[in-house]
Amino acid sequence: MLEITRFADDAAVVLRVAGLLGGPDVVMLRAAIVKAVVGDQADELVVDLAGVDRLGVCGHHVLVTGYVVAVDYGAAFRVINARGPVLSELQTNHTFDMLADSRDLGALLLALLRRAR
């Protein structure tokens, strides 16, 4: 079961995620991301994966989608505290550096080049 805890201040929204980030539960995270970026117009969205045990394909997809939504709305997007298998999955998919900071265009270009292979 996926759990999401939301913290907000004047400019940033932090979504602390715990559990399995995959399957149908990712809809909750997608909704929380859209609410923070589109509804609350956060300047920065931080997704904290410290409590995530596993990252499924759907979970990876929602993180990349969150990145795209944030960039489209002019918000910064960062994924932090990925560890163990979650970190390995992000590194294997060549998206770890990109998701670490949406302001790093070099990481985005590198991720795109690696995925094109």
N, C-alpha and C. Protein backbone atom coordinates (compact mmCIF):
# COMPACT_ATOMS: atom_id res chain seq x y z
N MET A 1 0.84 -1.18 0.00
CA MET A 1 0.00 0.00 0.00
C MET A 1 0.88 1.25 0.00
N LEU A 2 0.55 2.18 -0.84
CA LEU A 2 1.29 3.43 -0.97
C LEU A 2 0.74 4.46 0.00
N GLU A 3 1.65 5.14 0.69
CA GLU A 3 1.26 6.22 1.59
C GLU A 3 1.97 7.50 1.16
N ILE A 4 1.24 8.60 1.15
CA ILE A 4 1.81 9.89 0.76
C ILE A 4 1.52 10.89 1.86
N THR A 5 2.58 11.53 2.35
CA THR A 5 2.45 12.59 3.34
C THR A 5 2.87 13.88 2.66
N ARG A 6 2.06 14.92 2.81
CA ARG A 6 2.31 16.18 2.11
C ARG A 6 2.71 17.26 3.10
N PHE A 7 3.80 17.97 2.78
CA PHE A 7 4.25 19.11 3.55
C PHE A 7 4.35 20.29 2.59
N ALA A 8 4.01 21.47 3.04
CA ALA A 8 4.10 22.64 2.16
C ALA A 8 4.54 23.86 2.95
N ASP A 9 5.28 24.72 2.24
CA ASP A 9 5.58 26.04 2.79
C ASP A 9 5.23 27.06 1.71
N ASP A 10 5.80 28.24 1.76
CA ASP A 10 5.42 29.28 0.82
C ASP A 10 5.71 28.93 -0.64
N ALA A 11 6.80 28.23 -0.90
CA ALA A 11 7.19 27.98 -2.29
C ALA A 11 7.27 26.51 -2.66
N ALA A 12 7.54 25.63 -1.71
CA ALA A 12 7.78 24.22 -2.03
C ALA A 12 6.71 23.31 -1.44
N VAL A 13 6.46 22.24 -2.15
CA VAL A 13 5.61 21.16 -1.66
C VAL A 13 6.48 19.91 -1.64
N VAL A 14 6.48 19.21 -0.51
CA VAL A 14 7.21 17.96 -0.39
C VAL A 14 6.20 16.83 -0.24
N LEU A 15 6.33 15.83 -1.11
CA LEU A 15 5.51 14.63 -1.02
C LEU A 15 6.41 13.50 -0.54
N ARG A 16 6.19 13.05 0.69
CA ARG A 16 6.98 11.95 1.25
C ARG A 16 6.20 10.67 0.97
N VAL A 17 6.82 9.77 0.20
CA VAL A 17 6.14 8.57 -0.28
C VAL A 17 6.70 7.36 0.45
N ALA A 18 5.82 6.41 0.80
CA ALA A 18 6.25 5.19 1.48
C ALA A 18 5.48 4.00 0.91
N GLY A 19 6.16 2.86 0.87
CA GLY A 19 5.53 1.63 0.40
C GLY A 19 6.01 1.24 -0.98
N LEU A 20 5.18 0.52 -1.69
CA LEU A 20 5.48 0.08 -3.05
C LEU A 20 4.97 1.14 -4.02
N LEU A 21 5.86 1.69 -4.80
CA LEU A 21 5.48 2.69 -5.79
C LEU A 21 5.32 1.97 -7.12
N GLY A 22 4.12 1.46 -7.33
CA GLY A 22 3.83 0.70 -8.54
C GLY A 22 2.37 0.31 -8.56
N GLY A 23 1.93 -0.23 -9.67
CA GLY A 23 0.56 -0.70 -9.80
C GLY A 23 -0.45 0.44 -9.74
N PRO A 24 -1.69 0.10 -9.41
CA PRO A 24 -2.76 1.10 -9.44
C PRO A 24 -2.63 2.21 -8.39
N ASP A 25 -1.83 1.98 -7.35
CA ASP A 25 -1.68 3.00 -6.30
C ASP A 25 -0.98 4.26 -6.79
N VAL A 26 -0.29 4.18 -7.92
CA VAL A 26 0.42 5.37 -8.41
C VAL A 26 -0.53 6.49 -8.79
N VAL A 27 -1.80 6.17 -9.00
CA VAL A 27 -2.80 7.19 -9.31
C VAL A 27 -2.84 8.23 -8.19
N MET A 28 -2.68 7.78 -6.94
CA MET A 28 -2.67 8.71 -5.80
C MET A 28 -1.50 9.69 -5.91
N LEU A 29 -0.32 9.18 -6.29
CA LEU A 29 0.84 10.06 -6.41
C LEU A 29 0.66 11.01 -7.59
N ARG A 30 0.16 10.51 -8.69
CA ARG A 30 -0.07 11.37 -9.85
C ARG A 30 -1.02 12.51 -9.48
N ALA A 31 -2.09 12.20 -8.76
CA ALA A 31 -3.05 13.23 -8.34
C ALA A 31 -2.40 14.23 -7.40
N ALA A 32 -1.56 13.76 -6.48
CA ALA A 32 -0.88 14.66 -5.54
C ALA A 32 0.10 15.58 -6.27
N ILE A 33 0.76 15.06 -7.29
CA ILE A 33 1.69 15.87 -8.09
C ILE A 33 0.94 16.94 -8.85
N VAL A 34 -0.13 16.56 -9.52
CA VAL A 34 -0.92 17.53 -10.29
C VAL A 34 -1.52 18.59 -9.37
N LYS A 35 -2.01 18.19 -8.22
CA LYS A 35 -2.57 19.16 -7.27
C LYS A 35 -1.51 20.17 -6.83
N ALA A 36 -0.31 19.68 -6.52
CA ALA A 36 0.75 20.56 -6.05
C ALA A 36 1.19 21.54 -7.14
N VAL A 37 1.36 21.03 -8.35
CA VAL A 37 1.90 21.86 -9.44
C VAL A 37 0.82 22.74 -10.07
N VAL A 38 -0.29 22.13 -10.43
CA VAL A 38 -1.33 22.87 -11.15
C VAL A 38 -2.26 23.60 -10.19
N GLY A 39 -2.74 22.89 -9.18
CA GLY A 39 -3.69 23.50 -8.25
C GLY A 39 -3.07 24.49 -7.29
N ASP A 40 -1.97 24.08 -6.64
CA ASP A 40 -1.34 24.94 -5.64
C ASP A 40 -0.29 25.87 -6.23
N GLN A 41 0.06 25.64 -7.48
CA GLN A 41 1.08 26.44 -8.18
C GLN A 41 2.38 26.54 -7.39
N ALA A 42 2.84 25.39 -6.91
CA ALA A 42 4.10 25.34 -6.15
C ALA A 42 5.26 25.74 -7.05
N ASP A 43 6.20 26.48 -6.49
CA ASP A 43 7.41 26.84 -7.23
C ASP A 43 8.34 25.65 -7.35
N GLU A 44 8.28 24.76 -6.35
CA GLU A 44 9.13 23.58 -6.34
C GLU A 44 8.35 22.40 -5.77
N LEU A 45 8.50 21.24 -6.41
CA LEU A 45 7.91 20.01 -5.92
C LEU A 45 9.03 19.02 -5.65
N VAL A 46 9.06 18.51 -4.44
CA VAL A 46 10.06 17.53 -4.03
C VAL A 46 9.34 16.23 -3.71
N VAL A 47 9.76 15.14 -4.34
CA VAL A 47 9.21 13.82 -4.05
C VAL A 47 10.28 13.04 -3.30
N ASP A 48 9.99 12.75 -2.04
CA ASP A 48 10.93 12.07 -1.16
C ASP A 48 10.62 10.57 -1.16
N LEU A 49 11.56 9.78 -1.68
CA LEU A 49 11.35 8.34 -1.82
C LEU A 49 12.00 7.53 -0.70
N ALA A 50 12.35 8.16 0.41
CA ALA A 50 13.04 7.46 1.50
C ALA A 50 12.27 6.23 1.99
N GLY A 51 10.96 6.28 1.96
CA GLY A 51 10.16 5.17 2.47
C GLY A 51 9.70 4.19 1.41
N VAL A 52 10.17 4.35 0.19
CA VAL A 52 9.74 3.46 -0.90
C VAL A 52 10.65 2.24 -0.97
N ASP A 53 10.03 1.07 -0.91
CA ASP A 53 10.76 -0.20 -0.92
C ASP A 53 11.06 -0.68 -2.33
N ARG A 54 10.10 -0.50 -3.23
CA ARG A 54 10.25 -0.97 -4.60
C ARG A 54 9.61 0.03 -5.54
N LEU A 55 10.17 0.08 -6.74
CA LEU A 55 9.68 0.98 -7.77
C LEU A 55 9.28 0.16 -8.98
N GLY A 56 7.98 0.12 -9.24
CA GLY A 56 7.50 -0.60 -10.42
C GLY A 56 7.55 0.28 -11.65
N VAL A 57 7.22 -0.31 -12.78
CA VAL A 57 7.20 0.43 -14.05
C VAL A 57 6.23 1.61 -13.97
N CYS A 58 5.06 1.38 -13.39
CA CYS A 58 4.07 2.46 -13.26
C CYS A 58 4.60 3.57 -12.34
N GLY A 59 5.32 3.20 -11.31
CA GLY A 59 5.90 4.19 -10.41
C GLY A 59 6.95 5.03 -11.10
N HIS A 60 7.79 4.37 -11.89
CA HIS A 60 8.81 5.10 -12.65
C HIS A 60 8.12 6.06 -13.62
N HIS A 61 7.08 5.58 -14.28
CA HIS A 61 6.36 6.40 -15.25
C HIS A 61 5.75 7.63 -14.58
N VAL A 62 5.16 7.47 -13.40
CA VAL A 62 4.53 8.62 -12.75
C VAL A 62 5.59 9.64 -12.31
N LEU A 63 6.77 9.21 -11.95
CA LEU A 63 7.83 10.16 -11.60
C LEU A 63 8.27 10.97 -12.82
N VAL A 64 8.42 10.30 -13.94
CA VAL A 64 8.80 11.01 -15.17
C VAL A 64 7.66 11.94 -15.60
N THR A 65 6.42 11.47 -15.48
CA THR A 65 5.28 12.31 -15.80
C THR A 65 5.23 13.53 -14.89
N GLY A 66 5.51 13.33 -13.61
CA GLY A 66 5.55 14.46 -12.67
C GLY A 66 6.59 15.48 -13.06
N TYR A 67 7.74 15.00 -13.50
CA TYR A 67 8.81 15.87 -13.98
C TYR A 67 8.30 16.72 -15.14
N VAL A 68 7.65 16.07 -16.10
CA VAL A 68 7.16 16.78 -17.29
C VAL A 68 6.09 17.80 -16.92
N VAL A 69 5.14 17.42 -16.07
CA VAL A 69 4.09 18.35 -15.64
C VAL A 69 4.70 19.56 -14.95
N ALA A 70 5.64 19.32 -14.05
CA ALA A 70 6.28 20.42 -13.33
C ALA A 70 6.99 21.37 -14.29
N VAL A 71 7.75 20.81 -15.21
CA VAL A 71 8.47 21.65 -16.17
C VAL A 71 7.48 22.43 -17.04
N ASP A 72 6.40 21.78 -17.47
CA ASP A 72 5.39 22.46 -18.28
C ASP A 72 4.77 23.65 -17.56
N TYR A 73 4.65 23.56 -16.24
CA TYR A 73 4.03 24.63 -15.46
C TYR A 73 5.06 25.55 -14.80
N GLY A 74 6.33 25.38 -15.15
CA GLY A 74 7.37 26.27 -14.65
C GLY A 74 7.81 26.02 -13.22
N ALA A 75 7.52 24.84 -12.70
CA ALA A 75 7.93 24.49 -11.34
C ALA A 75 9.20 23.63 -11.38
N ALA A 76 10.01 23.76 -10.37
CA ALA A 76 11.17 22.88 -10.23
C ALA A 76 10.67 21.54 -9.69
N PHE A 77 11.35 20.46 -10.06
CA PHE A 77 10.95 19.11 -9.64
C PHE A 77 12.20 18.35 -9.23
N ARG A 78 12.14 17.73 -8.05
CA ARG A 78 13.28 16.94 -7.57
C ARG A 78 12.79 15.67 -6.90
N VAL A 79 13.46 14.58 -7.19
CA VAL A 79 13.25 13.32 -6.48
C VAL A 79 14.46 13.13 -5.58
N ILE A 80 14.21 12.90 -4.30
CA ILE A 80 15.30 12.75 -3.34
C ILE A 80 15.18 11.44 -2.57
N ASN A 81 16.27 11.05 -1.95
CA ASN A 81 16.36 9.92 -1.02
C ASN A 81 15.99 8.56 -1.61
N ALA A 82 16.23 8.38 -2.91
CA ALA A 82 16.05 7.04 -3.49
C ALA A 82 17.20 6.17 -3.01
N ARG A 83 16.88 4.95 -2.56
CA ARG A 83 17.90 4.03 -2.03
C ARG A 83 17.66 2.62 -2.53
N GLY A 84 18.69 1.81 -2.38
CA GLY A 84 18.60 0.38 -2.67
C GLY A 84 18.04 0.08 -4.04
N PRO A 85 17.04 -0.82 -4.11
CA PRO A 85 16.49 -1.22 -5.41
C PRO A 85 15.84 -0.06 -6.16
N VAL A 86 15.30 0.91 -5.44
CA VAL A 86 14.67 2.06 -6.08
C VAL A 86 15.73 2.89 -6.79
N LEU A 87 16.83 3.15 -6.13
CA LEU A 87 17.94 3.88 -6.74
C LEU A 87 18.48 3.12 -7.94
N SER A 88 18.65 1.81 -7.79
CA SER A 88 19.16 0.99 -8.90
C SER A 88 18.24 1.06 -10.12
N GLU A 89 16.95 1.01 -9.87
CA GLU A 89 15.97 1.09 -10.97
C GLU A 89 16.07 2.42 -11.70
N LEU A 90 16.17 3.51 -10.95
CA LEU A 90 16.28 4.83 -11.57
C LEU A 90 17.60 4.96 -12.35
N GLN A 91 18.66 4.40 -11.82
CA GLN A 91 19.94 4.44 -12.51
C GLN A 91 19.92 3.57 -13.76
N THR A 92 19.31 2.40 -13.67
CA THR A 92 19.22 1.49 -14.81
C THR A 92 18.44 2.14 -15.95
N ASN A 93 17.40 2.87 -15.61
CA ASN A 93 16.58 3.54 -16.62
C ASN A 93 17.17 4.89 -17.06
N HIS A 94 18.32 5.22 -16.52
CA HIS A 94 19.03 6.46 -16.88
C HIS A 94 18.22 7.72 -16.61
N THR A 95 17.42 7.68 -15.56
CA THR A 95 16.62 8.87 -15.22
C THR A 95 16.95 9.43 -13.85
N PHE A 96 17.85 8.81 -13.12
CA PHE A 96 18.16 9.26 -11.76
C PHE A 96 18.63 10.71 -11.74
N ASP A 97 19.62 11.03 -12.57
CA ASP A 97 20.16 12.40 -12.58
C ASP A 97 19.13 13.41 -13.06
N MET A 98 18.34 13.03 -14.05
CA MET A 98 17.31 13.92 -14.57
C MET A 98 16.28 14.24 -13.49
N LEU A 99 15.82 13.21 -12.78
CA LEU A 99 14.79 13.41 -11.76
C LEU A 99 15.32 14.09 -10.51
N ALA A 100 16.64 14.09 -10.34
CA ALA A 100 17.24 14.71 -9.15
C ALA A 100 17.08 16.22 -9.16
N ASP A 101 16.98 16.84 -10.34
CA ASP A 101 16.84 18.29 -10.39
C ASP A 101 16.41 18.71 -11.79
N SER A 102 15.18 19.18 -11.93
CA SER A 102 14.66 19.56 -13.24
C SER A 102 15.38 20.78 -13.82
N ARG A 103 16.12 21.48 -13.01
CA ARG A 103 16.86 22.64 -13.51
C ARG A 103 18.16 22.25 -14.21
N ASP A 104 18.55 20.98 -14.10
CA ASP A 104 19.80 20.50 -14.69
C ASP A 104 19.53 20.00 -16.10
N LEU A 105 19.66 20.88 -17.09
CA LEU A 105 19.38 20.51 -18.47
C LEU A 105 20.39 19.49 -19.00
N GLY A 106 21.61 19.52 -18.50
CA GLY A 106 22.61 18.54 -18.91
C GLY A 106 22.18 17.13 -18.56
N ALA A 107 21.61 16.95 -17.37
CA ALA A 107 21.14 15.62 -16.95
C ALA A 107 19.98 15.16 -17.84
N LEU A 108 19.10 16.08 -18.22
CA LEU A 108 18.00 15.74 -19.11
C LEU A 108 18.52 15.28 -20.46
N LEU A 109 19.45 16.03 -21.03
CA LEU A 109 20.01 15.66 -22.33
C LEU A 109 20.74 14.32 -22.27
N LEU A 110 21.49 14.10 -21.21
CA LEU A 110 22.19 12.82 -21.05
C LEU A 110 21.21 11.66 -20.94
N ALA A 111 20.14 11.85 -20.18
CA ALA A 111 19.12 10.80 -20.04
C ALA A 111 18.48 10.49 -21.39
N LEU A 112 18.18 11.51 -22.16
CA LEU A 112 17.58 11.30 -23.48
C LEU A 112 18.53 10.58 -24.43
N LEU A 113 19.79 10.96 -24.39
CA LEU A 113 20.77 10.29 -25.25
C LEU A 113 20.95 8.83 -24.87
N ARG A 114 20.98 8.53 -23.59
CA ARG A 114 21.13 7.14 -23.15
C ARG A 114 19.91 6.29 -23.50
N ARG A 115 18.73 6.87 -23.39
CA ARG A 115 17.51 6.13 -23.68
C ARG A 115 17.35 5.87 -25.17
N ALA A 116 17.97 6.69 -25.99
CA ALA A 116 17.86 6.54 -27.44
C ALA A 116 18.64 5.33 -27.96
N ARG A 117 19.54 4.81 -27.17
CA ARG A 117 20.35 3.66 -27.60
C ARG A 117 19.56 2.41 -27.70
